[in-house]
Structure formats: structure tokens, C-alpha cells
C-alpha atoms as a PDB file:
ATOM      1  CA  UNK A   1      -0.067   0.080  -0.184  1.00  0.00           C
ATOM      2  CA  UNK A   2       2.748   2.485   0.836  1.00  0.00           C
ATOM      3  CA  UNK A   3       4.757   1.559  -2.570  1.00  0.00           C
ATOM      4  CA  UNK A   4       1.258   2.416  -4.595  1.00  0.00           C
ATOM      5  CA  UNK A   5       1.061   5.513  -2.585  1.00  0.00           C
ATOM      6  CA  UNK A   6       4.863   6.257  -3.714  1.00  0.00           C
ATOM      7  CA  UNK A   7       4.109   5.390  -7.551  1.00  0.00           C
ATOM      8  CA  UNK A   8       0.786   8.054  -7.398  1.00  0.00           C
ATOM      9  CA  UNK A   9       2.637  10.793  -6.091  1.00  0.00           C
ATOM     10  CA  UNK A  10       5.425  10.638  -8.510  1.00  0.00           C
ATOM     11  CA  UNK A  11       3.232  10.578 -11.753  1.00  0.00           C
ATOM     12  CA  UNK A  12       1.329  13.456 -10.499  1.00  0.00           C
ATOM     13  CA  UNK A  13       4.824  15.322 -10.356  1.00  0.00           C
ATOM     14  CA  UNK A  14       5.536  14.290 -14.140  1.00  0.00           C
ATOM     15  CA  UNK A  15       2.155  15.943 -14.878  1.00  0.00           C
ATOM     16  CA  UNK A  16       3.134  19.278 -13.568  1.00  0.00           C
ATOM     17  CA  UNK A  17       5.868  19.529 -14.415  1.00  0.00           C
ATOM     18  CA  UNK A  18       5.203  19.275 -18.298  1.00  0.00           C
ATOM     19  CA  UNK A  19       2.451  21.622 -18.149  1.00  0.00           C
ATOM     20  CA  UNK A  20       4.603  24.491 -16.850  1.00  0.00           C
ATOM     21  CA  UNK A  21       7.126  24.188 -19.272  1.00  0.00           C
ATOM     22  CA  UNK A  22       4.653  24.784 -22.322  1.00  0.00           C
ATOM     23  CA  UNK A  23       3.469  27.645 -20.896  1.00  0.00           C
ATOM     24  CA  UNK A  24       7.026  29.175 -20.564  1.00  0.00           C
ATOM     25  CA  UNK A  25       7.442  28.547 -23.897  1.00  0.00           C
ATOM     26  CA  UNK A  26       4.497  31.148 -25.467  1.00  0.00           C
ATOM     27  CA  UNK A  27       6.061  34.028 -24.106  1.00  0.00           C
ATOM     28  CA  UNK A  28       9.640  33.390 -24.565  1.00  0.00           C
ATOM     29  CA  UNK A  29       8.303  32.215 -28.896  1.00  0.00           C
ATOM     30  CA  UNK A  30       6.109  35.206 -28.786  1.00  0.00           C
ATOM     31  CA  UNK A  31       8.744  37.665 -27.664  1.00  0.00           C
ATOM     32  CA  UNK A  32      11.440  36.254 -29.848  1.00  0.00           C
ATOM     33  CA  UNK A  33       8.689  36.572 -33.116  1.00  0.00           C
ATOM     34  CA  UNK A  34       8.175  40.457 -32.072  1.00  0.00           C
ATOM     35  CA  UNK A  35      11.584  41.180 -31.817  1.00  0.00           C
ATOM     36  CA  UNK A  36      12.707  39.859 -35.205  1.00  0.00           C
ATOM     37  CA  UNK A  37      10.110  41.166 -36.664  1.00  0.00           C
ATOM     38  CA  UNK A  38      10.827  44.856 -35.461  1.00  0.00           C
ATOM     39  CA  UNK A  39      14.501  44.256 -36.320  1.00  0.00           C
ATOM     40  CA  UNK A  40      13.104  42.861 -40.021  1.00  0.00           C
ATOM     41  CA  UNK A  41      10.849  45.694 -40.630  1.00  0.00           C
ATOM     42  CA  UNK A  42      12.241  49.034 -39.354  1.00  0.00           C
ATOM     43  CA  UNK A  43      15.803  48.758 -39.486  1.00  0.00           C
ATOM     44  CA  UNK A  44      16.824  45.878 -41.479  1.00  0.00           C
ATOM     45  CA  UNK A  45      14.346  46.900 -44.152  1.00  0.00           C
ATOM     46  CA  UNK A  46      14.737  50.202 -44.080  1.00  0.00           C
ATOM     47  CA  UNK A  47      18.180  50.541 -44.272  1.00  0.00           C
ATOM     48  CA  UNK A  48      18.179  48.934 -47.585  1.00  0.00           C
ATOM     49  CA  UNK A  49      15.385  50.789 -48.715  1.00  0.00           C
ATOM     50  CA  UNK A  50      17.815  53.900 -47.762  1.00  0.00           C
ATOM     51  CA  UNK A  51      20.842  51.942 -49.209  1.00  0.00           C
ATOM     52  CA  UNK A  52      19.293  51.331 -52.549  1.00  0.00           C
ATOM     53  CA  UNK A  53      17.970  55.126 -53.030  1.00  0.00           C
ATOM     54  CA  UNK A  54      21.075  56.098 -52.407  1.00  0.00           C
ATOM     55  CA  UNK A  55      22.607  53.978 -55.269  1.00  0.00           C
ATOM     56  CA  UNK A  56      20.078  54.833 -58.017  1.00  0.00           C
ATOM     57  CA  UNK A  57      20.749  58.900 -56.802  1.00  0.00           C
ATOM     58  CA  UNK A  58      24.264  58.296 -56.788  1.00  0.00           C
ATOM     59  CA  UNK A  59      24.390  56.201 -60.201  1.00  0.00           C
ATOM     60  CA  UNK A  60      21.525  57.337 -62.347  1.00  0.00           C
ATOM     61  CA  UNK A  61      21.016  61.673 -61.971  1.00  0.00           C
ATOM     62  CA  UNK A  62      24.459  62.541 -61.364  1.00  0.00           C
ATOM     63  CA  UNK A  63      25.858  60.685 -64.241  1.00  0.00           C
ATOM     64  CA  UNK A  64      23.055  60.991 -66.688  1.00  0.00           C
ATOM     65  CA  UNK A  65      22.949  64.548 -65.931  1.00  0.00           C
ATOM     66  CA  UNK A  66      26.519  65.790 -66.166  1.00  0.00           C
ATOM     67  CA  UNK A  67      27.307  64.328 -69.748  1.00  0.00           C
ATOM     68  CA  UNK A  68      24.369  66.328 -71.443  1.00  0.00           C
ATOM     69  CA  UNK A  69      25.357  69.700 -69.382  1.00  0.00           C
ATOM     70  CA  UNK A  70      28.918  69.271 -71.300  1.00  0.00           C
ATOM     71  CA  UNK A  71      27.527  67.995 -75.098  1.00  0.00           C
ATOM     72  CA  UNK A  72      25.129  71.136 -74.625  1.00  0.00           C
ATOM     73  CA  UNK A  73      28.030  73.783 -73.868  1.00  0.00           C
ATOM     74  CA  UNK A  74      30.225  72.331 -76.582  1.00  0.00           C
ATOM     75  CA  UNK A  75      27.365  72.252 -79.161  1.00  0.00           C
ATOM     76  CA  UNK A  76      25.628  76.046 -78.681  1.00  0.00           C
ATOM     77  CA  UNK A  77      29.286  78.098 -79.240  1.00  0.00           C
ATOM     78  CA  UNK A  78      30.254  76.080 -82.368  1.00  0.00           C
ATOM     79  CA  UNK A  79      26.709  76.535 -83.833  1.00  0.00           C
ATOM     80  CA  UNK A  80      27.185  79.994 -82.531  1.00  0.00           C
ATOM     81  CA  UNK A  81      30.286  80.618 -84.222  1.00  0.00           C
ATOM     82  CA  UNK A  82      29.594  79.339 -87.409  1.00  0.00           C
ATOM     83  CA  UNK A  83      26.979  81.222 -88.155  1.00  0.00           C
ATOM     84  CA  UNK A  84      29.093  84.245 -87.309  1.00  0.00           C
ATOM     85  CA  UNK A  85      31.718  83.436 -89.878  1.00  0.00           C
ATOM     86  CA  UNK A  86      29.334  82.822 -92.600  1.00  0.00           C
ATOM     87  CA  UNK A  87      27.400  85.445 -92.238  1.00  0.00           C
ATOM     88  CA  UNK A  88      30.589  87.634 -92.387  1.00  0.00           C
ATOM     89  CA  UNK A  89      32.113  85.897 -95.415  1.00  0.00           C
ATOM     90  CA  UNK A  90      28.713  86.030 -97.490  1.00  0.00           C
ATOM     91  CA  UNK A  91      26.694  88.881 -96.546  1.00  0.00           C
ATOM     92  CA  UNK A  92      28.643  91.787 -98.009  1.00  0.00           C
ATOM     93  CA  UNK A  93      28.556  89.795-101.288  1.00  0.00           C
ATOM     94  CA  UNK A  94      24.812  89.329-100.939  1.00  0.00           C
ATOM     95  CA  UNK A  95      23.604  92.777 -99.425  1.00  0.00           C
ATOM     96  CA  UNK A  96      25.656  94.449-102.343  1.00  0.00           C
ATOM     97  CA  UNK A  97      23.742  94.437-105.488  1.00  0.00           C
ATOM     98  CA  UNK A  98      25.728  97.562-106.581  1.00  0.00           C
ATOM     99  CA  UNK A  99      28.795  95.363-107.515  1.00  0.00           C
ATOM    100  CA  UNK A 100      27.361  93.520-110.013  1.00  0.00           C
ATOM    101  CA  UNK A 101      27.407  95.964-112.629  1.00  0.00           C
ATOM    102  CA  UNK A 102      31.030  96.570-112.127  1.00  0.00           C
ATOM    103  CA  UNK A 103      32.210  92.818-112.160  1.00  0.00           C
ATOM    104  CA  UNK A 104      33.916  92.114-115.514  1.00  0.00           C
ATOM    105  CA  UNK A 105      36.132  93.071-118.238  1.00  0.00           C
ATOM    106  CA  UNK A 106      37.146  96.686-118.792  1.00  0.00           C
ATOM    107  CA  UNK A 107      38.925  98.392-121.095  1.00  0.00           C
ATOM    108  CA  UNK A 108      40.792 101.830-119.265  1.00  0.00           C
ATOM    109  CA  UNK A 109      42.040 105.170-120.807  1.00  0.00           C
ATOM    110  CA  UNK A 110      44.078 107.474-118.779  1.00  0.00           C
ATOM    111  CA  UNK A 111      45.297 110.723-119.871  1.00  0.00           C
ATOM    112  CA  UNK A 112      47.661 112.449-117.688  1.00  0.00           C
ATOM    113  CA  UNK A 113      48.682 116.471-118.612  1.00  0.00           C
ATOM    114  CA  UNK A 114      51.796 117.829-116.754  1.00  0.00           C
ATOM    115  CA  UNK A 115      53.957 120.726-117.697  1.00  0.00           C
ATOM    116  CA  UNK A 116      58.085 119.942-117.196  1.00  0.00           C
ATOM    117  CA  UNK A 117      60.744 122.222-116.818  1.00  0.00           C
ATOM    118  CA  UNK A 118      64.307 122.205-117.445  1.00  0.00           C
ATOM    119  CA  UNK A 119      67.351 124.406-116.456  1.00  0.00           C
ATOM    120  CA  UNK A 120      67.197 125.299-120.083  1.00  0.00           C
ATOM    121  CA  UNK A 121      63.791 124.635-121.687  1.00  0.00           C
ATOM    122  CA  UNK A 122      60.557 125.688-119.655  1.00  0.00           C
ATOM    123  CA  UNK A 123      56.937 125.090-119.957  1.00  0.00           C
ATOM    124  CA  UNK A 124      57.092 121.629-122.372  1.00  0.00           C
ATOM    125  CA  UNK A 125      53.676 120.732-122.417  1.00  0.00           C
ATOM    126  CA  UNK A 126      53.234 116.971-121.568  1.00  0.00           C
ATOM    127  CA  UNK A 127      50.749 114.522-122.552  1.00  0.00           C
ATOM    128  CA  UNK A 128      50.892 110.853-120.928  1.00  0.00           C
ATOM    129  CA  UNK A 129      48.519 108.527-122.343  1.00  0.00           C
ATOM    130  CA  UNK A 130      48.136 104.835-120.710  1.00  0.00           C
ATOM    131  CA  UNK A 131      45.999 102.056-121.924  1.00  0.00           C
ATOM    132  CA  UNK A 132      45.041  99.421-119.474  1.00  0.00           C
ATOM    133  CA  UNK A 133      42.960  96.077-119.712  1.00  0.00           C
ATOM    134  CA  UNK A 134      40.841  95.175-116.213  1.00  0.00           C
ATOM    135  CA  UNK A 135      38.762  92.583-114.675  1.00  0.00           C
ATOM    136  CA  UNK A 136      36.927  93.812-111.844  1.00  0.00           C
ATOM    137  CA  UNK A 137      35.859  90.847-109.599  1.00  0.00           C
ATOM    138  CA  UNK A 138      34.018  90.626-105.847  1.00  0.00           C
ATOM    139  CA  UNK A 139      36.323  89.344-102.816  1.00  0.00           C
ATOM    140  CA  UNK A 140      35.706  89.325 -99.387  1.00  0.00           C
ATOM    141  CA  UNK A 141      32.939  91.722-100.068  1.00  0.00           C
ATOM    142  CA  UNK A 142      35.379  94.280-101.802  1.00  0.00           C
ATOM    143  CA  UNK A 143      35.898  95.152-105.542  1.00  0.00           C
ATOM    144  CA  UNK A 144      39.035  93.916-106.682  1.00  0.00           C
ATOM    145  CA  UNK A 145      40.979  94.960-110.202  1.00  0.00           C
ATOM    146  CA  UNK A 146      43.540  93.082-111.511  1.00  0.00           C
ATOM    147  CA  UNK A 147      45.288  95.397-114.629  1.00  0.00           C
ATOM    148  CA  UNK A 148      47.220  94.783-117.358  1.00  0.00           C
ATOM    149  CA  UNK A 149      49.295  97.962-119.026  1.00  0.00           C
ATOM    150  CA  UNK A 150      48.984  97.629-122.620  1.00  0.00           C
ATOM    151  CA  UNK A 151      50.543 100.472-124.056  1.00  0.00           C
ATOM    152  CA  UNK A 152      52.143 104.258-122.787  1.00  0.00           C
ATOM    153  CA  UNK A 153      52.378 107.047-124.941  1.00  0.00           C
ATOM    154  CA  UNK A 154      53.957 110.069-124.092  1.00  0.00           C
ATOM    155  CA  UNK A 155      53.754 113.385-126.500  1.00  0.00           C
ATOM    156  CA  UNK A 156      55.958 116.696-125.473  1.00  0.00           C
ATOM    157  CA  UNK A 157      56.703 119.787-126.974  1.00  0.00           C
ATOM    158  CA  UNK A 158      60.034 119.027-127.919  1.00  0.00           C
ATOM    159  CA  UNK A 159      58.796 115.109-128.829  1.00  0.00           C
ATOM    160  CA  UNK A 160      57.986 111.800-127.713  1.00  0.00           C
ATOM    161  CA  UNK A 161      58.867 109.475-124.727  1.00  0.00           C
ATOM    162  CA  UNK A 162      59.389 105.627-126.323  1.00  0.00           C
ATOM    163  CA  UNK A 163      58.316 103.237-123.698  1.00  0.00           C
ATOM    164  CA  UNK A 164      59.553  99.825-124.211  1.00  0.00           C
ATOM    165  CA  UNK A 165      56.948  96.965-123.480  1.00  0.00           C
ATOM    166  CA  UNK A 166      59.493  96.103-120.533  1.00  0.00           C
ATOM    167  CA  UNK A 167      58.096  99.553-118.339  1.00  0.00           C
ATOM    168  CA  UNK A 168      54.621  98.370-119.382  1.00  0.00           C
ATOM    169  CA  UNK A 169      55.385  94.805-118.022  1.00  0.00           C
ATOM    170  CA  UNK A 170      57.911  95.374-115.067  1.00  0.00           C
ATOM    171  CA  UNK A 171      57.862  97.298-111.883  1.00  0.00           C
ATOM    172  CA  UNK A 172      56.770  97.245-108.335  1.00  0.00           C
ATOM    173  CA  UNK A 173      53.155  98.121-107.612  1.00  0.00           C
ATOM    174  CA  UNK A 174      51.610  98.641-104.405  1.00  0.00           C
ATOM    175  CA  UNK A 175      47.498  98.094-104.219  1.00  0.00           C
ATOM    176  CA  UNK A 176      45.585 100.475-102.015  1.00  0.00           C
ATOM    177  CA  UNK A 177      45.023  98.052 -99.459  1.00  0.00           C
ATOM    178  CA  UNK A 178      48.657  97.565 -98.545  1.00  0.00           C
ATOM    179  CA  UNK A 179      49.400 101.269 -97.840  1.00  0.00           C
ATOM    180  CA  UNK A 180      49.262 102.943 -94.627  1.00  0.00           C
ATOM    181  CA  UNK A 181      45.666 103.802 -94.867  1.00  0.00           C
ATOM    182  CA  UNK A 182      44.352 100.506 -96.565  1.00  0.00           C
ATOM    183  CA  UNK A 183      41.230 100.653 -98.764  1.00  0.00           C
ATOM    184  CA  UNK A 184      39.624  98.451-101.244  1.00  0.00           C
ATOM    185  CA  UNK A 185      40.933  98.755-104.800  1.00  0.00           C
ATOM    186  CA  UNK A 186      37.413 100.288-105.853  1.00  0.00           C
ATOM    187  CA  UNK A 187      34.843 102.136-103.976  1.00  0.00           C
ATOM    188  CA  UNK A 188      31.421 102.889-105.578  1.00  0.00           C
ATOM    189  CA  UNK A 189      28.569 104.463-103.912  1.00  0.00           C
ATOM    190  CA  UNK A 190      24.764 105.128-104.763  1.00  0.00           C
ATOM    191  CA  UNK A 191      24.267 108.619-104.256  1.00  0.00           C
ATOM    192  CA  UNK A 192      20.366 109.210-104.695  1.00  0.00           C
ATOM    193  CA  UNK A 193      20.325 107.500-108.122  1.00  0.00           C
ATOM    194  CA  UNK A 194      24.068 108.734-109.087  1.00  0.00           C
ATOM    195  CA  UNK A 195      26.895 106.406-109.053  1.00  0.00           C
ATOM    196  CA  UNK A 196      30.443 107.339-107.923  1.00  0.00           C
ATOM    197  CA  UNK A 197      33.250 105.189-108.794  1.00  0.00           C
ATOM    198  CA  UNK A 198      36.901 105.784-106.908  1.00  0.00           C
ATOM    199  CA  UNK A 199      39.802 103.496-107.919  1.00  0.00           C
ATOM    200  CA  UNK A 200      41.639 104.273-104.922  1.00  0.00           C
ATOM    201  CA  UNK A 201      45.285 105.299-105.121  1.00  0.00           C
ATOM    202  CA  UNK A 202      47.876 102.795-106.006  1.00  0.00           C
ATOM    203  CA  UNK A 203      51.757 103.352-106.805  1.00  0.00           C
ATOM    204  CA  UNK A 204      54.166 102.004-109.165  1.00  0.00           C
ATOM    205  CA  UNK A 205      57.907 102.121-108.520  1.00  0.00           C
ATOM    206  CA  UNK A 206      60.633 101.252-111.396  1.00  0.00           C
ATOM    207  CA  UNK A 207      64.529 101.648-111.523  1.00  0.00           C
ATOM    208  CA  UNK A 208      65.668 100.880-108.085  1.00  0.00           C
ATOM    209  CA  UNK A 209      64.933  98.027-104.868  1.00  0.00           C
ATOM    210  CA  UNK A 210      61.724  98.127-103.387  1.00  0.00           C
ATOM    211  CA  UNK A 211      60.533 100.460-100.964  1.00  0.00           C
ATOM    212  CA  UNK A 212      59.468  99.720 -97.858  1.00  0.00           C
ATOM    213  CA  UNK A 213      56.365 102.716 -97.965  1.00  0.00           C
ATOM    214  CA  UNK A 214      56.831 104.377-101.533  1.00  0.00           C
ATOM    215  CA  UNK A 215      53.910 107.054 -99.952  1.00  0.00           C
ATOM    216  CA  UNK A 216      57.107 108.319 -97.459  1.00  0.00           C
ATOM    217  CA  UNK A 217      60.449 107.004 -98.744  1.00  0.00           C
ATOM    218  CA  UNK A 218      62.683 109.119-100.298  1.00  0.00           C
ATOM    219  CA  UNK A 219      63.713 108.928-104.107  1.00  0.00           C
ATOM    220  CA  UNK A 220      67.392 108.488-104.892  1.00  0.00           C
ATOM    221  CA  UNK A 221      69.535 111.624-105.371  1.00  0.00           C
ATOM    222  CA  UNK A 222      72.564 109.954-106.193  1.00  0.00           C
ATOM    223  CA  UNK A 223      74.427 107.755-108.711  1.00  0.00           C
ATOM    224  CA  UNK A 224      75.529 105.718-105.996  1.00  0.00           C
ATOM    225  CA  UNK A 225      72.497 105.132-104.221  1.00  0.00           C
ATOM    226  CA  UNK A 226      72.638 101.643-103.485  1.00  0.00           C
ATOM    227  CA  UNK A 227      68.838 101.253-103.946  1.00  0.00           C
ATOM    228  CA  UNK A 228      69.678 101.930-108.040  1.00  0.00           C
ATOM    229  CA  UNK A 229      69.865  98.642-109.972  1.00  0.00           C
ATOM    230  CA  UNK A 230      69.115  97.115-113.738  1.00  0.00           C
ATOM    231  CA  UNK A 231      65.465  97.113-113.280  1.00  0.00           C
ATOM    232  CA  UNK A 232      64.992  96.155-116.847  1.00  0.00           C
ATOM    233  CA  UNK A 233      67.878  93.975-117.239  1.00  0.00           C
ATOM    234  CA  UNK A 234      69.359  95.604-120.329  1.00  0.00           C
ATOM    235  CA  UNK A 235      73.232  96.279-119.137  1.00  0.00           C
ATOM    236  CA  UNK A 236      72.297  99.654-118.027  1.00  0.00           C
ATOM    237  CA  UNK A 237      71.458 101.054-114.486  1.00  0.00           C
ATOM    238  CA  UNK A 238      67.834 101.777-113.661  1.00  0.00           C
ATOM    239  CA  UNK A 239      65.194 101.675-116.307  1.00  0.00           C
ATOM    240  CA  UNK A 240      65.439 102.261-119.689  1.00  0.00           C
ATOM    241  CA  UNK A 241      63.407 104.751-121.784  1.00  0.00           C
ATOM    242  CA  UNK A 242      63.805 106.353-125.595  1.00  0.00           C
ATOM    243  CA  UNK A 243      63.287 110.003-126.671  1.00  0.00           C
ATOM    244  CA  UNK A 244      62.620 110.839-130.047  1.00  0.00           C
ATOM    245  CA  UNK A 245      63.142 114.559-130.415  1.00  0.00           C
ATOM    246  CA  UNK A 246      65.466 115.291-133.228  1.00  0.00           C
ATOM    247  CA  UNK A 247      68.704 116.762-131.612  1.00  0.00           C
ATOM    248  CA  UNK A 248      67.365 115.726-128.497  1.00  0.00           C
ATOM    249  CA  UNK A 249      67.025 111.979-129.385  1.00  0.00           C
ATOM    250  CA  UNK A 250      68.477 109.232-126.949  1.00  0.00           C
ATOM    251  CA  UNK A 251      67.928 107.021-124.201  1.00  0.00           C
ATOM    252  CA  UNK A 252      67.586 107.950-120.759  1.00  0.00           C
ATOM    253  CA  UNK A 253      68.240 106.062-117.525  1.00  0.00           C
ATOM    254  CA  UNK A 254      65.762 106.980-114.527  1.00  0.00           C
ATOM    255  CA  UNK A 255      64.336 106.052-111.772  1.00  0.00           C
ATOM    256  CA  UNK A 256      60.750 106.602-111.487  1.00  0.00           C
ATOM    257  CA  UNK A 257      57.751 106.865-109.011  1.00  0.00           C
ATOM    258  CA  UNK A 258      54.028 107.462-109.982  1.00  0.00           C
ATOM    259  CA  UNK A 259      50.933 107.183-107.767  1.00  0.00           C
ATOM    260  CA  UNK A 260      47.081 107.256-109.278  1.00  0.00           C
ATOM    261  CA  UNK A 261      43.797 107.644-107.912  1.00  0.00           C
ATOM    262  CA  UNK A 262      40.689 107.959-110.197  1.00  0.00           C
ATOM    263  CA  UNK A 263      37.519 109.550-109.762  1.00  0.00           C
ATOM    264  CA  UNK A 264      33.982 109.270-111.530  1.00  0.00           C
ATOM    265  CA  UNK A 265      30.660 108.663-112.533  1.00  0.00           C
ATOM    266  CA  UNK A 266      29.087 105.916-114.185  1.00  0.00           C
ATOM    267  CA  UNK A 267      28.004 107.441-116.906  1.00  0.00           C
ATOM    268  CA  UNK A 268      26.034 104.697-118.605  1.00  0.00           C
ATOM    269  CA  UNK A 269      25.517 100.813-118.057  1.00  0.00           C
ATOM    270  CA  UNK A 270      29.110 100.173-118.883  1.00  0.00           C
ATOM    271  CA  UNK A 271      30.675 103.525-119.423  1.00  0.00           C
ATOM    272  CA  UNK A 272      32.898 105.252-116.664  1.00  0.00           C
ATOM    273  CA  UNK A 273      34.063 109.077-116.636  1.00  0.00           C
ATOM    274  CA  UNK A 274      36.120 111.238-114.217  1.00  0.00           C
ATOM    275  CA  UNK A 275      39.337 113.048-113.160  1.00  0.00           C
ATOM    276  CA  UNK A 276      42.946 111.472-112.303  1.00  0.00           C
ATOM    277  CA  UNK A 277      44.635 112.593-109.381  1.00  0.00           C
ATOM    278  CA  UNK A 278      48.354 111.493-109.534  1.00  0.00           C
ATOM    279  CA  UNK A 279      51.936 112.144-108.985  1.00  0.00           C
ATOM    280  CA  UNK A 280      55.251 111.391-110.631  1.00  0.00           C
ATOM    281  CA  UNK A 281      58.795 111.412-109.212  1.00  0.00           C
ATOM    282  CA  UNK A 282      61.876 110.870-111.363  1.00  0.00           C
ATOM    283  CA  UNK A 283      65.385 110.793-111.110  1.00  0.00           C
ATOM    284  CA  UNK A 284      67.834 110.682-114.053  1.00  0.00           C
ATOM    285  CA  UNK A 285      70.706 108.281-113.621  1.00  0.00           C
ATOM    286  CA  UNK A 286      72.235 108.896-117.100  1.00  0.00           C
ATOM    287  CA  UNK A 287      71.676 109.513-120.945  1.00  0.00           C
ATOM    288  CA  UNK A 288      72.967 109.385-124.107  1.00  0.00           C
ATOM    289  CA  UNK A 289      72.662 113.065-124.771  1.00  0.00           C
ATOM    290  CA  UNK A 290      73.405 115.335-122.095  1.00  0.00           C
ATOM    291  CA  UNK A 291      70.138 117.869-122.512  1.00  0.00           C
ATOM    292  CA  UNK A 292      67.946 114.805-121.847  1.00  0.00           C
ATOM    293  CA  UNK A 293      70.331 114.138-118.118  1.00  0.00           C
ATOM    294  CA  UNK A 294      69.654 117.695-117.116  1.00  0.00           C
ATOM    295  CA  UNK A 295      67.149 117.783-113.950  1.00  0.00           C
ATOM    296  CA  UNK A 296      63.827 118.503-114.637  1.00  0.00           C
ATOM    297  CA  UNK A 297      60.832 118.911-112.546  1.00  0.00           C
ATOM    298  CA  UNK A 298      57.001 118.679-113.633  1.00  0.00           C
ATOM    299  CA  UNK A 299      53.763 120.133-112.372  1.00  0.00           C
ATOM    300  CA  UNK A 300      51.208 118.117-112.404  1.00  0.00           C
ATOM    301  CA  UNK A 301      47.712 119.210-113.889  1.00  0.00           C
ATOM    302  CA  UNK A 302      45.192 117.009-112.355  1.00  0.00           C
ATOM    303  CA  UNK A 303      42.490 119.661-113.245  1.00  0.00           C
ATOM    304  CA  UNK A 304      43.118 118.253-117.300  1.00  0.00           C
ATOM    305  CA  UNK A 305      43.658 114.543-115.763  1.00  0.00           C
ATOM    306  CA  UNK A 306      40.849 112.594-117.170  1.00  0.00           C
ATOM    307  CA  UNK A 307      40.067 108.420-117.645  1.00  0.00           C
ATOM    308  CA  UNK A 308      37.557 106.701-119.298  1.00  0.00           C
ATOM    309  CA  UNK A 309      36.546 103.298-118.741  1.00  0.00           C
ATOM    310  CA  UNK A 310      34.576 101.010-120.993  1.00  0.00           C
ATOM    311  CA  UNK A 311      33.070  97.315-120.148  1.00  0.00           C
ATOM    312  CA  UNK A 312      34.190  95.004-123.054  1.00  0.00           C
ATOM    313  CA  UNK A 313      34.172  91.202-123.581  1.00  0.00           C
ATOM    314  CA  UNK A 314      36.182  89.033-121.719  1.00  0.00           C
ATOM    315  CA  UNK A 315      37.977  87.813-124.518  1.00  0.00           C
ATOM    316  CA  UNK A 316      38.847  91.624-125.382  1.00  0.00           C
ATOM    317  CA  UNK A 317      43.031  91.673-126.415  1.00  0.00           C
ATOM    318  CA  UNK A 318      45.326  94.669-125.361  1.00  0.00           C
ATOM    319  CA  UNK A 319      45.387  95.363-129.282  1.00  0.00           C
ATOM    320  CA  UNK A 320      41.824  96.115-129.369  1.00  0.00           C
ATOM    321  CA  UNK A 321      42.101  98.904-126.653  1.00  0.00           C
ATOM    322  CA  UNK A 322      44.973 100.467-127.863  1.00  0.00           C
ATOM    323  CA  UNK A 323      43.722 100.346-131.877  1.00  0.00           C
ATOM    324  CA  UNK A 324      40.066 100.636-131.836  1.00  0.00           C
ATOM    325  CA  UNK A 325      38.090 101.215-129.105  1.00  0.00           C
ATOM    326  CA  UNK A 326      39.238 105.054-128.046  1.00  0.00           C
ATOM    327  CA  UNK A 327      39.262 105.814-132.003  1.00  0.00           C
ATOM    328  CA  UNK A 328      43.334 106.606-131.468  1.00  0.00           C
END
């Protein structure tokens, strides 16, 4: 009986122990589950989203936005520059229809009047006629002329000067744009329907080395000037001209510097007329006739000097200019 009572008591103890373990496990499991949820949802999940958002912000907006800004900055100046350059080059031609009627080939005749004096002979009337053929074009928004001297004649009260073809072909030349106050070769202006024409001043030099500035550089005053040389390569110093004047006939070797500026008006389509402002400086190195060697001075008659321009076909020749066009 005593043994039976001991067994019953032990069995009851086992039942009580089993029920107590199950009750304690439920709060522990619940608390554990709740802590895991808070950590996962609040900390772990949020941290992951912040990291992801930050990564997207750094990779996508920054890198993608920078490239287009640099590209745009490069494109805009290039486009602006191209437009300005094109306008500077093309605008003058397009905006000067006045130029169109001057483009082409022109025959030219200049008549230059002067009075020459020497120590022996005074008031020698001199008329120099220059025939030229020129082509006018538009270049960089300006009128440009390329000219060829066809022939030069000179008549005086004492005889005629003979200009060899070399004189027409060989010389130093300064365009108006090469001078201290650069200008276009030709300037034209519409003054209320009257169109003025100016062939701006140019310079020619023969018989000596090229000057730095023909407007101010001095001419030789002595034969030992080292700038004098055989310009036409005929075995004589400077440049050789002939003179046919009976007892005054002979050859003279001289240095000559000339300039001219033409100012006129478009008289009708293809015809320009006006006056010539010109200069002529000479130094005679030697001559075969003592009289021709005498120092001389010239009084330029700008008020009597004239020019005519006539527009001709592009295949016009110098012979036609001299022989038929101006009735000479």
C-alpha cells in the first residue's frame, strides 16, 4: 500500500512539470518573434531601402545629368561661331547688288597732263596716255581689280618719249589695301541715283629696289645710291626709256615713282568717266644726250587729267583697246 502511494505521487509530479514547460515556452516564442519582426521591418528593411535609394541617386541622376550639360555647352558655341563666320563671309556679297554691274572686263584710258621744266627749256607741255585692260571681281565683300598695262605713249613740245614693253610689264606695285591707310581697290557709292566710282590710289616704282613705303620713302638723289639697279636687265642702270626729239633724241636711264587715283561717275551702263589725281617723281641716273640728263621738274595738271572706263567682252585684247576702242 505504501508503494502504491509513492508511485501515484511521482506520476502527479511529472504531469505538473510537463504543463509548466509548455506555458513558459509561449511568451518566449512570442517575444522572440516580435523582436525579429521589429528588427527586420524597421531596421533591416528600411536600411536596405535607404541604401538602394542612395545608390540610384548617385548612379543615375549625377552621371546621366553631367554628360548632357557638357555636350550642350560644346554644341552651342560651335553653332554660334559657325553662323557668325558664314555671315561675315557671305553677307557683303549678298547685300551689295550695286557691285554686280561693275564685275567683268574693262578697257581703260588715262590721259595725264603736266608741264615739264628743265634748266634750259621751260614750260614743256606733256601728255601721257596709258591704255590698260582690267578685270573687276568681288573678293571678301570688296571690289578688286587686276590690271595689265597695254601701252604708254607720251608727247611733248620737244618730242615723244618711247616706252618699251618692259616698262609696261616690269614694276613694283602697291595696291590701295597695302598702304598705310588700307582701302579697297575700288569704292562705289549710290548717291541718290548717281553712282560714284573711285579707283583708290595705287603706286608704281621702276629702276630701284622696292621701297618699304612708297608714300613717304625718298627717291635717290645720287648715282651711288645702292638701291638703284638694272631693273629691266638691259645692261644699263635703272630703267631705260627712249626719246625721239630730233637733236634731243637719245636714251635716258631713270628711276620713276608714280601714283594715281581715279574719281568718276557711272555715265551709263558699261561706261565710267572722271578725273585723275596723280603724282610723278623722277631721278635721271644717266642719258646718252646731255640735254636729257638735265634735272627736270613736273607740274601735274590734275584738273586736266581724265580717264574713261568701257566695259568689254572677257576675251578682249590689248590690241583692240589701243587700236580701235578709243578711236586712236
